[in-house]
Full PDB file with SEQRES, HELIX, SHEET, SSBOND, CRYST1, ORIGX, SCALE, CONECT and MASTER records, all heavy atoms in Angstrom:
SEQRES   1 A   35  THR VAL THR ALA ASP ALA ASP GLY GLN ARG GLU LEU LEU          
SEQRES   2 A   35  ILE LEU SER SER GLU ALA SER TRP PRO GLU GLY ARG LEU          
SEQRES   3 A   35  GLN PHE PRO LEU ALA ASP PRO ILE ARG                          
HELIX    1 AA1 GLU A   18  SER A   20  5                                   3    
SHEET    1 AA1 2 VAL A   2  ALA A   4  0                                        
SHEET    2 AA1 2 ARG A  10  LEU A  12 -1                                        
CRYST1    1.000    1.000    1.000  90.00  90.00  90.00 P 1           1          
ORIGX1      1.000000  0.000000  0.000000        0.00000                         
ORIGX2      0.000000  1.000000  0.000000        0.00000                         
ORIGX3      0.000000  0.000000  1.000000        0.00000                         
SCALE1      1.000000  0.000000  0.000000        0.00000                         
SCALE2      0.000000  1.000000  0.000000        0.00000                         
SCALE3      0.000000  0.000000  1.000000        0.00000                         
ATOM      1  N   THR A   1       0.810  -1.213   0.000  1.00  0.00           N  
ATOM      2  CA  THR A   1       0.000   0.000   0.000  1.00  0.00           C  
ATOM      3  C   THR A   1       0.847   1.270   0.000  1.00  0.00           C  
ATOM      4  O   THR A   1       1.949   1.315   0.559  1.00  0.00           O  
ATOM      5  CB  THR A   1      -0.917   0.049   1.239  1.00  0.00           C  
ATOM      6  OG1 THR A   1      -0.112   0.214   2.415  1.00  0.00           O  
ATOM      7  CG2 THR A   1      -1.741  -1.209   1.359  1.00  0.00           C  
ATOM      8  N   VAL A   2       0.286   2.280  -0.638  1.00  0.00           N  
ATOM      9  CA  VAL A   2       0.730   3.655  -0.435  1.00  0.00           C  
ATOM     10  C   VAL A   2      -0.166   4.228   0.654  1.00  0.00           C  
ATOM     11  O   VAL A   2      -1.385   4.253   0.521  1.00  0.00           O  
ATOM     12  CB  VAL A   2       0.607   4.487  -1.726  1.00  0.00           C  
ATOM     13  CG1 VAL A   2       0.970   5.952  -1.455  1.00  0.00           C  
ATOM     14  CG2 VAL A   2       1.496   3.914  -2.817  1.00  0.00           C  
ATOM     15  N   THR A   3       0.440   4.676   1.748  1.00  0.00           N  
ATOM     16  CA  THR A   3      -0.328   5.201   2.859  1.00  0.00           C  
ATOM     17  C   THR A   3       0.457   6.361   3.471  1.00  0.00           C  
ATOM     18  O   THR A   3       1.332   6.927   2.820  1.00  0.00           O  
ATOM     19  CB  THR A   3      -0.625   4.091   3.901  1.00  0.00           C  
ATOM     20  OG1 THR A   3      -1.444   4.602   4.939  1.00  0.00           O  
ATOM     21  CG2 THR A   3       0.640   3.490   4.471  1.00  0.00           C  
ATOM     22  N   ALA A   4       0.135   6.734   4.690  1.00  0.00           N  
ATOM     23  CA  ALA A   4       0.862   7.802   5.371  1.00  0.00           C  
ATOM     24  C   ALA A   4       0.893   7.486   6.858  1.00  0.00           C  
ATOM     25  O   ALA A   4       0.102   6.674   7.359  1.00  0.00           O  
ATOM     26  CB  ALA A   4       0.194   9.152   5.122  1.00  0.00           C  
ATOM     27  N   ASP A   5       1.825   8.131   7.571  1.00  0.00           N  
ATOM     28  CA  ASP A   5       1.812   7.971   9.015  1.00  0.00           C  
ATOM     29  C   ASP A   5       0.894   9.025   9.633  1.00  0.00           C  
ATOM     30  O   ASP A   5       0.231   9.797   8.928  1.00  0.00           O  
ATOM     31  CB  ASP A   5       3.225   8.026   9.591  1.00  0.00           C  
ATOM     32  CG  ASP A   5       3.905   9.376   9.388  1.00  0.00           C  
ATOM     33  OD1 ASP A   5       3.210  10.378   9.097  1.00  0.00           O  
ATOM     34  OD2 ASP A   5       5.138   9.442   9.530  1.00  0.00           O  
ATOM     35  N   ALA A   6       0.834   9.054  10.937  1.00  0.00           N  
ATOM     36  CA  ALA A   6      -0.098   9.957  11.616  1.00  0.00           C  
ATOM     37  C   ALA A   6       0.205  11.422  11.348  1.00  0.00           C  
ATOM     38  O   ALA A   6      -0.677  12.278  11.464  1.00  0.00           O  
ATOM     39  CB  ALA A   6      -0.081   9.687  13.116  1.00  0.00           C  
ATOM     40  N   ASP A   7       1.464  11.732  10.962  1.00  0.00           N  
ATOM     41  CA  ASP A   7       1.848  13.117  10.664  1.00  0.00           C  
ATOM     42  C   ASP A   7       1.693  13.468   9.193  1.00  0.00           C  
ATOM     43  O   ASP A   7       2.063  14.564   8.767  1.00  0.00           O  
ATOM     44  CB  ASP A   7       3.295  13.361  11.097  1.00  0.00           C  
ATOM     45  CG  ASP A   7       3.475  13.215  12.600  1.00  0.00           C  
ATOM     46  OD1 ASP A   7       2.529  13.577  13.332  1.00  0.00           O  
ATOM     47  OD2 ASP A   7       4.526  12.711  13.031  1.00  0.00           O  
ATOM     48  N   GLY A   8       1.193  12.546   8.403  1.00  0.00           N  
ATOM     49  CA  GLY A   8       0.969  12.819   6.987  1.00  0.00           C  
ATOM     50  C   GLY A   8       2.126  12.467   6.088  1.00  0.00           C  
ATOM     51  O   GLY A   8       2.053  12.707   4.873  1.00  0.00           O  
ATOM     52  N   GLN A   9       3.216  11.904   6.615  1.00  0.00           N  
ATOM     53  CA  GLN A   9       4.353  11.506   5.791  1.00  0.00           C  
ATOM     54  C   GLN A   9       3.973  10.277   4.963  1.00  0.00           C  
ATOM     55  O   GLN A   9       3.611   9.228   5.503  1.00  0.00           O  
ATOM     56  CB  GLN A   9       5.561  11.178   6.662  1.00  0.00           C  
ATOM     57  CG  GLN A   9       6.712  10.498   5.928  1.00  0.00           C  
ATOM     58  CD  GLN A   9       7.331  11.362   4.860  1.00  0.00           C  
ATOM     59  OE1 GLN A   9       7.683  12.510   5.134  1.00  0.00           O  
ATOM     60  NE2 GLN A   9       7.457  10.837   3.636  1.00  0.00           N  
ATOM     61  N   ARG A  10       4.040  10.418   3.632  1.00  0.00           N  
ATOM     62  CA  ARG A  10       3.660   9.311   2.762  1.00  0.00           C  
ATOM     63  C   ARG A  10       4.693   8.189   2.858  1.00  0.00           C  
ATOM     64  O   ARG A  10       5.899   8.445   2.961  1.00  0.00           O  
ATOM     65  CB  ARG A  10       3.518   9.790   1.314  1.00  0.00           C  
ATOM     66  CG  ARG A  10       2.563   8.938   0.485  1.00  0.00           C  
ATOM     67  CD  ARG A  10       2.142   9.633  -0.780  1.00  0.00           C  
ATOM     68  NE  ARG A  10       3.244   9.820  -1.719  1.00  0.00           N  
ATOM     69  CZ  ARG A  10       3.180   9.590  -3.041  1.00  0.00           C  
ATOM     70  NH1 ARG A  10       2.047   9.162  -3.564  1.00  0.00           N  
ATOM     71  NH2 ARG A  10       4.204   9.824  -3.819  1.00  0.00           N  
ATOM     72  N   GLU A  11       4.208   6.953   2.792  1.00  0.00           N  
ATOM     73  CA  GLU A  11       5.091   5.801   2.930  1.00  0.00           C  
ATOM     74  C   GLU A  11       4.501   4.585   2.234  1.00  0.00           C  
ATOM     75  O   GLU A  11       3.300   4.553   1.903  1.00  0.00           O  
ATOM     76  CB  GLU A  11       5.331   5.484   4.418  1.00  0.00           C  
ATOM     77  CG  GLU A  11       4.053   5.177   5.184  1.00  0.00           C  
ATOM     78  CD  GLU A  11       4.273   5.028   6.690  1.00  0.00           C  
ATOM     79  OE1 GLU A  11       5.315   5.505   7.178  1.00  0.00           O  
ATOM     80  OE2 GLU A  11       3.412   4.432   7.359  1.00  0.00           O  
ATOM     81  N   LEU A  12       5.363   3.617   2.003  1.00  0.00           N  
ATOM     82  CA  LEU A  12       4.949   2.313   1.499  1.00  0.00           C  
ATOM     83  C   LEU A  12       4.894   1.344   2.665  1.00  0.00           C  
ATOM     84  O   LEU A  12       5.830   1.274   3.477  1.00  0.00           O  
ATOM     85  CB  LEU A  12       5.931   1.798   0.448  1.00  0.00           C  
ATOM     86  CG  LEU A  12       5.969   2.517  -0.895  1.00  0.00           C  
ATOM     87  CD1 LEU A  12       7.071   1.929  -1.773  1.00  0.00           C  
ATOM     88  CD2 LEU A  12       4.637   2.417  -1.612  1.00  0.00           C  
ATOM     89  N   LEU A  13       3.816   0.586   2.740  1.00  0.00           N  
ATOM     90  CA  LEU A  13       3.624  -0.337   3.855  1.00  0.00           C  
ATOM     91  C   LEU A  13       2.949  -1.599   3.346  1.00  0.00           C  
ATOM     92  O   LEU A  13       1.991  -1.540   2.560  1.00  0.00           O  
ATOM     93  CB  LEU A  13       2.765   0.317   4.940  1.00  0.00           C  
ATOM     94  CG  LEU A  13       2.542  -0.496   6.221  1.00  0.00           C  
ATOM     95  CD1 LEU A  13       3.850  -0.635   6.998  1.00  0.00           C  
ATOM     96  CD2 LEU A  13       1.482   0.159   7.086  1.00  0.00           C  
ATOM     97  N   ILE A  14       3.446  -2.739   3.786  1.00  0.00           N  
ATOM     98  CA  ILE A  14       2.827  -4.016   3.419  1.00  0.00           C  
ATOM     99  C   ILE A  14       1.878  -4.439   4.529  1.00  0.00           C  
ATOM    100  O   ILE A  14       2.259  -4.497   5.706  1.00  0.00           O  
ATOM    101  CB  ILE A  14       3.884  -5.103   3.195  1.00  0.00           C  
ATOM    102  CG1 ILE A  14       4.765  -4.752   1.989  1.00  0.00           C  
ATOM    103  CG2 ILE A  14       3.217  -6.463   2.966  1.00  0.00           C  
ATOM    104  CD1 ILE A  14       5.917  -5.713   1.773  1.00  0.00           C  
ATOM    105  N   LEU A  15       0.641  -4.717   4.158  1.00  0.00           N  
ATOM    106  CA  LEU A  15      -0.345  -5.293   5.061  1.00  0.00           C  
ATOM    107  C   LEU A  15      -0.521  -6.758   4.681  1.00  0.00           C  
ATOM    108  O   LEU A  15      -0.689  -7.077   3.510  1.00  0.00           O  
ATOM    109  CB  LEU A  15      -1.678  -4.560   4.965  1.00  0.00           C  
ATOM    110  CG  LEU A  15      -1.660  -3.049   5.187  1.00  0.00           C  
ATOM    111  CD1 LEU A  15      -3.052  -2.473   4.998  1.00  0.00           C  
ATOM    112  CD2 LEU A  15      -1.135  -2.724   6.573  1.00  0.00           C  
ATOM    113  N   SER A  16      -0.506  -7.636   5.661  1.00  0.00           N  
ATOM    114  CA  SER A  16      -0.631  -9.064   5.375  1.00  0.00           C  
ATOM    115  C   SER A  16      -1.348  -9.754   6.512  1.00  0.00           C  
ATOM    116  O   SER A  16      -1.127  -9.427   7.686  1.00  0.00           O  
ATOM    117  CB  SER A  16       0.747  -9.700   5.183  1.00  0.00           C  
ATOM    118  OG  SER A  16       0.656 -11.107   5.165  1.00  0.00           O  
ATOM    119  N   SER A  17      -2.197 -10.706   6.178  1.00  0.00           N  
ATOM    120  CA  SER A  17      -2.847 -11.521   7.201  1.00  0.00           C  
ATOM    121  C   SER A  17      -2.185 -12.883   7.309  1.00  0.00           C  
ATOM    122  O   SER A  17      -2.672 -13.761   8.009  1.00  0.00           O  
ATOM    123  CB  SER A  17      -4.337 -11.690   6.880  1.00  0.00           C  
ATOM    124  OG  SER A  17      -4.490 -12.350   5.635  1.00  0.00           O  
ATOM    125  N   GLU A  18      -1.055 -13.057   6.611  1.00  0.00           N  
ATOM    126  CA  GLU A  18      -0.397 -14.362   6.586  1.00  0.00           C  
ATOM    127  C   GLU A  18      -0.020 -14.846   7.986  1.00  0.00           C  
ATOM    128  O   GLU A  18      -0.252 -16.002   8.337  1.00  0.00           O  
ATOM    129  CB  GLU A  18       0.871 -14.289   5.728  1.00  0.00           C  
ATOM    130  CG  GLU A  18       1.684 -15.583   5.759  1.00  0.00           C  
ATOM    131  CD  GLU A  18       3.134 -15.372   5.352  1.00  0.00           C  
ATOM    132  OE1 GLU A  18       3.677 -14.283   5.589  1.00  0.00           O  
ATOM    133  OE2 GLU A  18       3.709 -16.315   4.811  1.00  0.00           O  
ATOM    134  N   ALA A  19       0.551 -13.956   8.786  1.00  0.00           N  
ATOM    135  CA  ALA A  19       1.119 -14.393  10.057  1.00  0.00           C  
ATOM    136  C   ALA A  19       0.076 -14.937  11.021  1.00  0.00           C  
ATOM    137  O   ALA A  19       0.403 -15.723  11.906  1.00  0.00           O  
ATOM    138  CB  ALA A  19       1.868 -13.228  10.701  1.00  0.00           C  
ATOM    139  N   SER A  20      -1.180 -14.536  10.860  1.00  0.00           N  
ATOM    140  CA  SER A  20      -2.201 -14.941  11.827  1.00  0.00           C  
ATOM    141  C   SER A  20      -3.207 -15.926  11.249  1.00  0.00           C  
ATOM    142  O   SER A  20      -4.242 -16.162  11.852  1.00  0.00           O  
ATOM    143  CB  SER A  20      -2.956 -13.705  12.321  1.00  0.00           C  
ATOM    144  OG  SER A  20      -3.677 -13.115  11.257  1.00  0.00           O  
ATOM    145  N   TRP A  21      -2.911 -16.498  10.062  1.00  0.00           N  
ATOM    146  CA  TRP A  21      -3.849 -17.474   9.524  1.00  0.00           C  
ATOM    147  C   TRP A  21      -4.063 -18.584  10.555  1.00  0.00           C  
ATOM    148  O   TRP A  21      -3.124 -19.043  11.179  1.00  0.00           O  
ATOM    149  CB  TRP A  21      -3.296 -18.069   8.218  1.00  0.00           C  
ATOM    150  CG  TRP A  21      -4.194 -19.105   7.661  1.00  0.00           C  
ATOM    151  CD1 TRP A  21      -5.303 -18.911   6.910  1.00  0.00           C  
ATOM    152  CD2 TRP A  21      -4.088 -20.520   7.855  1.00  0.00           C  
ATOM    153  NE1 TRP A  21      -5.895 -20.103   6.621  1.00  0.00           N  
ATOM    154  CE2 TRP A  21      -5.178 -21.101   7.196  1.00  0.00           C  
ATOM    155  CE3 TRP A  21      -3.203 -21.347   8.534  1.00  0.00           C  
ATOM    156  CZ2 TRP A  21      -5.391 -22.483   7.181  1.00  0.00           C  
ATOM    157  CZ3 TRP A  21      -3.419 -22.719   8.528  1.00  0.00           C  
ATOM    158  CH2 TRP A  21      -4.504 -23.272   7.859  1.00  0.00           C  
ATOM    159  N   PRO A  22      -5.305 -19.051  10.813  1.00  0.00           N  
ATOM    160  CA  PRO A  22      -6.516 -18.724  10.066  1.00  0.00           C  
ATOM    161  C   PRO A  22      -7.387 -17.622  10.676  1.00  0.00           C  
ATOM    162  O   PRO A  22      -8.515 -17.434  10.236  1.00  0.00           O  
ATOM    163  CB  PRO A  22      -7.281 -20.047  10.097  1.00  0.00           C  
ATOM    164  CG  PRO A  22      -6.942 -20.608  11.453  1.00  0.00           C  
ATOM    165  CD  PRO A  22      -5.534 -20.194  11.731  1.00  0.00           C  
ATOM    166  N   GLU A  23      -6.892 -16.920  11.697  1.00  0.00           N  
ATOM    167  CA  GLU A  23      -7.741 -15.912  12.336  1.00  0.00           C  
ATOM    168  C   GLU A  23      -7.967 -14.693  11.448  1.00  0.00           C  
ATOM    169  O   GLU A  23      -8.972 -14.003  11.571  1.00  0.00           O  
ATOM    170  CB  GLU A  23      -7.124 -15.459  13.662  1.00  0.00           C  
ATOM    171  CG  GLU A  23      -7.171 -16.514  14.757  1.00  0.00           C  
ATOM    172  CD  GLU A  23      -6.006 -17.482  14.649  1.00  0.00           C  
ATOM    173  OE1 GLU A  23      -5.109 -17.238  13.799  1.00  0.00           O  
ATOM    174  OE2 GLU A  23      -5.979 -18.479  15.392  1.00  0.00           O  
ATOM    175  N   GLY A  24      -7.027 -14.401  10.529  1.00  0.00           N  
ATOM    176  CA  GLY A  24      -7.212 -13.286   9.617  1.00  0.00           C  
ATOM    177  C   GLY A  24      -6.958 -11.931  10.237  1.00  0.00           C  
ATOM    178  O   GLY A  24      -7.489 -10.924   9.784  1.00  0.00           O  
ATOM    179  N   ARG A  25      -6.147 -11.866  11.292  1.00  0.00           N  
ATOM    180  CA  ARG A  25      -5.839 -10.587  11.927  1.00  0.00           C  
ATOM    181  C   ARG A  25      -4.492 -10.068  11.429  1.00  0.00           C  
ATOM    182  O   ARG A  25      -3.541 -10.826  11.262  1.00  0.00           O  
ATOM    183  CB  ARG A  25      -5.774 -10.750  13.454  1.00  0.00           C  
ATOM    184  CG  ARG A  25      -7.111 -11.099  14.094  1.00  0.00           C  
ATOM    185  CD  ARG A  25      -6.971 -11.290  15.597  1.00  0.00           C  
ATOM    186  NE  ARG A  25      -6.264 -12.541  15.892  1.00  0.00           N  
ATOM    187  CZ  ARG A  25      -5.013 -12.609  16.343  1.00  0.00           C  
ATOM    188  NH1 ARG A  25      -4.320 -11.499  16.521  1.00  0.00           N  
ATOM    189  NH2 ARG A  25      -4.460 -13.773  16.612  1.00  0.00           N  
ATOM    190  N   LEU A  26      -4.389  -8.759  11.202  1.00  0.00           N  
ATOM    191  CA  LEU A  26      -3.104  -8.159  10.901  1.00  0.00           C  
ATOM    192  C   LEU A  26      -2.221  -8.217  12.138  1.00  0.00           C  
ATOM    193  O   LEU A  26      -2.684  -7.946  13.251  1.00  0.00           O  
ATOM    194  CB  LEU A  26      -3.282  -6.711  10.444  1.00  0.00           C  
ATOM    195  CG  LEU A  26      -4.020  -6.522   9.113  1.00  0.00           C  
ATOM    196  CD1 LEU A  26      -4.154  -5.043   8.807  1.00  0.00           C  
ATOM    197  CD2 LEU A  26      -3.300  -7.228   7.982  1.00  0.00           C  
ATOM    198  N   GLN A  27      -0.963  -8.577  11.941  1.00  0.00           N  
ATOM    199  CA  GLN A  27      -0.030  -8.700  13.048  1.00  0.00           C  
ATOM    200  C   GLN A  27       0.871  -7.477  13.126  1.00  0.00           C  
ATOM    201  O   GLN A  27       1.283  -6.933  12.103  1.00  0.00           O  
ATOM    202  CB  GLN A  27       0.820  -9.962  12.884  1.00  0.00           C  
ATOM    203  CG  GLN A  27       0.015 -11.256  12.983  1.00  0.00           C  
ATOM    204  CD  GLN A  27      -0.541 -11.488  14.376  1.00  0.00           C  
ATOM    205  OE1 GLN A  27       0.209 -11.607  15.343  1.00  0.00           O  
ATOM    206  NE2 GLN A  27      -1.851 -11.560  14.492  1.00  0.00           N  
ATOM    207  N   PHE A  28       1.184  -7.031  14.314  1.00  0.00           N  
ATOM    208  CA  PHE A  28       2.071  -5.885  14.520  1.00  0.00           C  
ATOM    209  C   PHE A  28       3.253  -6.308  15.404  1.00  0.00           C  
ATOM    210  O   PHE A  28       3.093  -7.138  16.292  1.00  0.00           O  
ATOM    211  CB  PHE A  28       1.309  -4.726  15.176  1.00  0.00           C  
ATOM    212  CG  PHE A  28       0.251  -4.147  14.293  1.00  0.00           C  
ATOM    213  CD1 PHE A  28      -1.053  -4.607  14.348  1.00  0.00           C  
ATOM    214  CD2 PHE A  28       0.568  -3.155  13.370  1.00  0.00           C  
ATOM    215  CE1 PHE A  28      -2.027  -4.082  13.526  1.00  0.00           C  
ATOM    216  CE2 PHE A  28      -0.401  -2.630  12.546  1.00  0.00           C  
ATOM    217  CZ  PHE A  28      -1.700  -3.088  12.617  1.00  0.00           C  
ATOM    218  N   PRO A  29       4.480  -5.782  15.149  1.00  0.00           N  
ATOM    219  CA  PRO A  29       4.740  -4.782  14.114  1.00  0.00           C  
ATOM    220  C   PRO A  29       4.787  -5.411  12.724  1.00  0.00           C  
ATOM    221  O   PRO A  29       5.203  -6.549  12.573  1.00  0.00           O  
ATOM    222  CB  PRO A  29       6.110  -4.233  14.508  1.00  0.00           C  
ATOM    223  CG  PRO A  29       6.769  -5.402  15.189  1.00  0.00           C  
ATOM    224  CD  PRO A  29       5.672  -6.098  15.938  1.00  0.00           C  
ATOM    225  N   LEU A  30       4.359  -4.667  11.751  1.00  0.00           N  
ATOM    226  CA  LEU A  30       4.448  -5.104  10.369  1.00  0.00           C  
ATOM    227  C   LEU A  30       5.869  -4.835   9.860  1.00  0.00           C  
ATOM    228  O   LEU A  30       6.707  -4.289  10.572  1.00  0.00           O  
ATOM    229  CB  LEU A  30       3.430  -4.349   9.516  1.00  0.00           C  
ATOM    230  CG  LEU A  30       1.971  -4.568   9.922  1.00  0.00           C  
ATOM    231  CD1 LEU A  30       1.073  -3.590   9.189  1.00  0.00           C  
ATOM    232  CD2 LEU A  30       1.542  -5.995   9.631  1.00  0.00           C  
ATOM    233  N   ALA A  31       6.134  -5.207   8.605  1.00  0.00           N  
ATOM    234  CA  ALA A  31       7.426  -4.884   7.997  1.00  0.00           C  
ATOM    235  C   ALA A  31       7.624  -3.371   8.039  1.00  0.00           C  
ATOM    236  O   ALA A  31       6.671  -2.596   7.924  1.00  0.00           O  
ATOM    237  CB  ALA A  31       7.452  -5.393   6.558  1.00  0.00           C  
ATOM    238  N   ASP A  32       8.871  -2.960   8.239  1.00  0.00           N  
ATOM    239  CA  ASP A  32       9.162  -1.533   8.358  1.00  0.00           C  
ATOM    240  C   ASP A  32       8.686  -0.776   7.120  1.00  0.00           C  
ATOM    241  O   ASP A  32       8.944  -1.202   5.985  1.00  0.00           O  
ATOM    242  CB  ASP A  32      10.658  -1.311   8.536  1.00  0.00           C  
ATOM    243  CG  ASP A  32      11.154  -1.809   9.885  1.00  0.00           C  
ATOM    244  OD1 ASP A  32      10.319  -1.909  10.804  1.00  0.00           O  
ATOM    245  OD2 ASP A  32      12.353  -2.099   9.996  1.00  0.00           O  
ATOM    246  N   PRO A  33       8.001   0.348   7.313  1.00  0.00           N  
ATOM    247  CA  PRO A  33       7.563   1.149   6.166  1.00  0.00           C  
ATOM    248  C   PRO A  33       8.752   1.837   5.503  1.00  0.00           C  
ATOM    249  O   PRO A  33       9.807   2.028   6.109  1.00  0.00           O  
ATOM    250  CB  PRO A  33       6.609   2.158   6.796  1.00  0.00           C  
ATOM    251  CG  PRO A  33       7.063   2.281   8.214  1.00  0.00           C  
ATOM    252  CD  PRO A  33       7.575   0.931   8.600  1.00  0.00           C  
ATOM    253  N   ILE A  34       8.549   2.214   4.248  1.00  0.00           N  
ATOM    254  CA  ILE A  34       9.553   2.963   3.489  1.00  0.00           C  
ATOM    255  C   ILE A  34       8.985   4.331   3.183  1.00  0.00           C  
ATOM    256  O   ILE A  34       7.938   4.446   2.535  1.00  0.00           O  
ATOM    257  CB  ILE A  34       9.926   2.223   2.193  1.00  0.00           C  
ATOM    258  CG1 ILE A  34      10.620   0.900   2.529  1.00  0.00           C  
ATOM    259  CG2 ILE A  34      10.827   3.095   1.309  1.00  0.00           C  
ATOM    260  CD1 ILE A  34      10.987   0.080   1.312  1.00  0.00           C  
ATOM    261  N   ARG A  35       9.662   5.363   3.623  1.00  0.00           N  
ATOM    262  CA  ARG A  35       9.188   6.728   3.388  1.00  0.00           C  
ATOM    263  C   ARG A  35       9.406   7.087   1.927  1.00  0.00           C  
ATOM    264  O   ARG A  35      10.436   6.767   1.320  1.00  0.00           O  
ATOM    265  CB  ARG A  35       9.937   7.712   4.288  1.00  0.00           C  
ATOM    266  CG  ARG A  35       9.864   7.371   5.752  1.00  0.00           C  
ATOM    267  CD  ARG A  35      10.478   8.438   6.625  1.00  0.00           C  
ATOM    268  NE  ARG A  35       9.461   9.429   7.001  1.00  0.00           N  
ATOM    269  CZ  ARG A  35       9.706  10.440   7.819  1.00  0.00           C  
ATOM    270  NH1 ARG A  35      10.916  10.624   8.316  1.00  0.00           N  
ATOM    271  NH2 ARG A  35       8.744  11.285   8.133  1.00  0.00           N  
TER     272      ARG A  35                                                      
MASTER        0    0    0    1    2    0    0    6  271    1    0    3          
END                                                                             
């Protein structure tokens, strides 16, 4: 995804439900974002 942090800085971030299969929950921390 192209998203932003709470201060509006645009970044690339991967969202994945792989780590929590089969519950389907996003796990934190995710892979480090790229500004």
